[in-house]
Amino acid sequence: MNAHVTDRLSAYLDGALPASVLERVRAHLEQCATCARAYEELRGLRGLLRALPDPAVPAGLVDRIHWHLARDASVSASRRSPWRSVWAAWTQPSVARPVWFALAAATLVVIMSLPMGWVSGVFAPHGASFDPDAYVHDYLLLSSDRLTDDVTRTVIAHTALPEFTAAR
């Protein structure tokens, strides 16, 4: 093996190499004195670092950390949009379920009432009446070139036209 494995020695020492690479590094360390010496130096350095005492925590460090966290939280709360708190209140389960149910019911009422209003003539221009039979007949007549069903063409042919559409 010609390539040195010094860049993989730390991961080898930590046991973080995949099995295939681990075997190649182990075989190379048995053959290469340079890499074996670097590995022994790294193991020695690791032992020396583990022998060091744990650093002492400075007095008041925990209090300063809590103070900074509280300050950052208050600053971010003051910058927060007022809509964020409204949204948070509306999306809580105790509020959200009835609110979403009411919105769904209102949407359903609107969806159902608009077509019924158009058909009944509530939304029609004054003086013009809506005849659903004439509408369906005209629609079928205009789209008859796309229809291939003989039954549909027969129905169109035998549908009586209202008198006000014959005058057109």
Protein backbone atom coordinates (compact mmCIF):
# COMPACT_ATOMS: atom_id res chain seq x y z
CA MET A 1 0.00 0.00 0.00
CA ASN A 2 1.66 3.23 -1.13
CA ALA A 3 -0.69 5.95 0.17
CA HIS A 4 -0.24 6.92 3.81
CA VAL A 5 -3.30 6.87 6.06
CA THR A 6 -2.36 9.68 8.44
CA ASP A 7 -5.54 11.61 7.56
CA ARG A 8 -7.64 8.65 8.81
CA LEU A 9 -5.75 7.93 12.02
CA SER A 10 -7.96 10.07 14.27
CA ALA A 11 -11.14 8.41 12.98
CA TYR A 12 -9.41 5.01 13.33
CA LEU A 13 -8.51 5.77 16.93
CA ASP A 14 -12.13 6.89 17.66
CA GLY A 15 -13.57 3.81 15.95
CA ALA A 16 -15.48 5.94 13.45
CA LEU A 17 -14.33 4.23 10.24
CA PRO A 18 -16.46 1.83 8.20
CA ALA A 19 -15.37 -1.82 8.35
CA SER A 20 -13.86 -1.85 4.85
CA VAL A 21 -11.69 1.23 5.51
CA LEU A 22 -10.84 0.01 9.03
CA GLU A 23 -9.24 -3.17 7.66
CA ARG A 24 -7.22 -1.22 5.08
CA VAL A 25 -5.90 1.19 7.73
CA ARG A 26 -5.04 -1.69 10.09
CA ALA A 27 -3.16 -3.51 7.32
CA HIS A 28 -1.31 -0.33 6.35
CA LEU A 29 -0.26 0.34 9.96
CA GLU A 30 1.31 -3.13 10.12
CA GLN A 31 3.39 -2.42 6.99
CA CYS A 32 4.21 1.33 7.23
CA ALA A 33 6.53 2.47 10.03
CA THR A 34 5.83 6.17 9.38
CA CYS A 35 2.07 5.81 9.81
CA ALA A 36 2.53 3.45 12.79
CA ARG A 37 4.73 6.06 14.52
CA ALA A 38 2.12 8.80 13.81
CA TYR A 39 -0.60 6.52 15.22
CA GLU A 40 1.40 5.89 18.43
CA GLU A 41 2.00 9.64 18.84
CA LEU A 42 -1.71 10.31 18.42
CA ARG A 43 -2.58 7.62 21.00
CA GLY A 44 -0.08 9.15 23.43
CA LEU A 45 -1.51 12.64 22.90
CA ARG A 46 -5.01 11.31 23.48
CA GLY A 47 -3.88 9.73 26.77
CA LEU A 48 -2.25 12.97 27.90
CA LEU A 49 -5.39 14.99 27.13
CA ARG A 50 -7.59 12.55 29.04
CA ALA A 51 -5.27 12.83 32.05
CA LEU A 52 -5.84 16.59 32.29
CA PRO A 53 -8.20 17.71 35.07
CA ASP A 54 -11.63 19.00 34.13
CA PRO A 55 -11.66 22.79 33.86
CA ALA A 56 -13.34 24.64 36.71
CA VAL A 57 -16.55 26.47 35.88
CA PRO A 58 -16.11 30.20 36.55
CA ALA A 59 -18.26 31.62 39.31
CA GLY A 60 -21.49 33.16 38.03
CA LEU A 61 -21.29 31.53 34.58
CA VAL A 62 -24.65 29.79 34.92
CA ASP A 63 -26.32 33.02 36.09
CA ARG A 64 -24.84 34.97 33.15
CA ILE A 65 -26.04 32.33 30.69
CA HIS A 66 -29.58 32.46 32.11
CA TRP A 67 -29.54 36.27 32.03
CA HIS A 68 -28.47 36.30 28.35
CA LEU A 69 -31.12 33.73 27.43
CA ALA A 70 -33.85 35.73 29.20
CA ARG A 71 -32.68 38.96 27.53
CA ASP A 72 -32.65 37.34 24.08
CA ALA A 73 -36.13 35.93 24.67
CA SER A 74 -37.51 39.33 25.68
CA VAL A 75 -35.89 41.05 22.68
CA SER A 76 -37.29 38.49 20.27
CA ALA A 77 -40.73 38.76 21.93
CA SER A 78 -40.71 42.55 21.50
CA ARG A 79 -39.84 42.17 17.81
CA ARG A 80 -42.49 39.52 17.28
CA SER A 81 -45.47 40.40 15.15
CA PRO A 82 -48.73 40.89 17.07
CA TRP A 83 -50.37 38.50 14.61
CA ARG A 84 -48.09 35.73 15.82
CA SER A 85 -49.71 35.75 19.27
CA VAL A 86 -53.17 35.90 17.71
CA TRP A 87 -52.33 32.94 15.47
CA ALA A 88 -50.92 31.01 18.44
CA ALA A 89 -54.12 31.61 20.40
CA TRP A 90 -56.36 30.58 17.49
CA THR A 91 -54.44 27.39 16.78
CA GLN A 92 -54.57 26.00 20.31
CA PRO A 93 -56.69 22.83 20.33
CA SER A 94 -59.29 24.26 22.73
CA VAL A 95 -59.92 27.19 20.38
CA ALA A 96 -58.95 25.79 16.99
CA ARG A 97 -61.47 22.98 16.70
CA PRO A 98 -64.62 25.12 17.15
CA VAL A 99 -63.19 27.96 15.06
CA TRP A 100 -62.22 25.70 12.17
CA PHE A 101 -65.58 23.94 12.39
CA ALA A 102 -67.40 27.30 12.20
CA LEU A 103 -65.26 28.39 9.23
CA ALA A 104 -65.96 25.11 7.44
CA ALA A 105 -69.70 25.46 8.08
CA ALA A 106 -69.73 29.07 6.84
CA THR A 107 -67.80 28.06 3.72
CA LEU A 108 -70.24 25.26 3.05
CA VAL A 109 -73.19 27.65 3.41
CA VAL A 110 -71.63 30.10 0.95
CA ILE A 111 -70.76 27.35 -1.52
CA MET A 112 -74.29 25.97 -1.40
CA SER A 113 -76.14 29.31 -1.41
CA LEU A 114 -74.42 31.00 -4.35
CA PRO A 115 -75.49 28.50 -7.03
CA MET A 116 -78.96 28.32 -5.51
CA GLY A 117 -79.17 32.10 -5.67
CA TRP A 118 -78.11 32.12 -9.30
CA VAL A 119 -80.65 29.45 -10.25
CA SER A 120 -83.47 31.07 -8.30
CA GLY A 121 -82.75 34.45 -9.88
CA VAL A 122 -81.71 36.29 -6.70
CA PHE A 123 -78.38 37.28 -8.29
CA ALA A 124 -79.75 37.67 -11.82
CA PRO A 125 -80.02 41.11 -13.40
CA HIS A 126 -83.44 42.68 -12.87
CA GLY A 127 -85.85 41.99 -15.68
CA ALA A 128 -84.07 38.89 -16.94
CA SER A 129 -85.22 35.48 -15.86
CA PHE A 130 -83.11 32.36 -15.83
CA ASP A 131 -84.56 29.25 -17.43
CA PRO A 132 -82.51 26.20 -16.46
CA ASP A 133 -84.08 24.03 -19.18
CA ALA A 134 -83.12 26.51 -21.89
CA TYR A 135 -79.62 26.79 -20.43
CA VAL A 136 -79.13 23.01 -20.49
CA HIS A 137 -80.57 22.77 -24.01
CA ASP A 138 -78.32 25.56 -25.33
CA TYR A 139 -75.30 24.03 -23.65
CA LEU A 140 -75.99 20.63 -25.14
CA LEU A 141 -76.70 22.16 -28.54
CA LEU A 142 -73.44 24.15 -28.55
CA SER A 143 -71.39 21.16 -27.40
CA SER A 144 -73.09 18.64 -29.69
CA ASP A 145 -70.10 18.59 -32.04
CA ARG A 146 -68.09 17.10 -29.18
CA LEU A 147 -70.76 14.59 -28.21
CA THR A 148 -70.59 11.12 -29.70
CA ASP A 149 -73.44 9.54 -27.82
CA ASP A 150 -76.46 8.88 -30.06
CA VAL A 151 -78.79 8.97 -27.06
CA THR A 152 -77.64 12.50 -26.19
CA ARG A 153 -78.19 13.69 -29.76
CA THR A 154 -81.64 12.14 -29.75
CA VAL A 155 -82.51 13.92 -26.48
CA ILE A 156 -81.33 17.24 -27.92
CA ALA A 157 -83.34 16.75 -31.09
CA HIS A 158 -86.53 15.95 -29.19
CA THR A 159 -86.19 18.63 -26.50
CA ALA A 160 -88.78 21.33 -26.91
CA LEU A 161 -87.30 24.80 -27.13
CA PRO A 162 -88.88 27.52 -25.01
CA GLU A 163 -90.60 30.17 -27.05
CA PHE A 164 -88.27 33.05 -26.10
CA THR A 165 -85.19 31.11 -27.36
CA ALA A 166 -86.79 30.35 -30.75
CA ALA A 167 -87.04 34.08 -31.47
CA ARG A 168 -83.26 34.52 -31.37
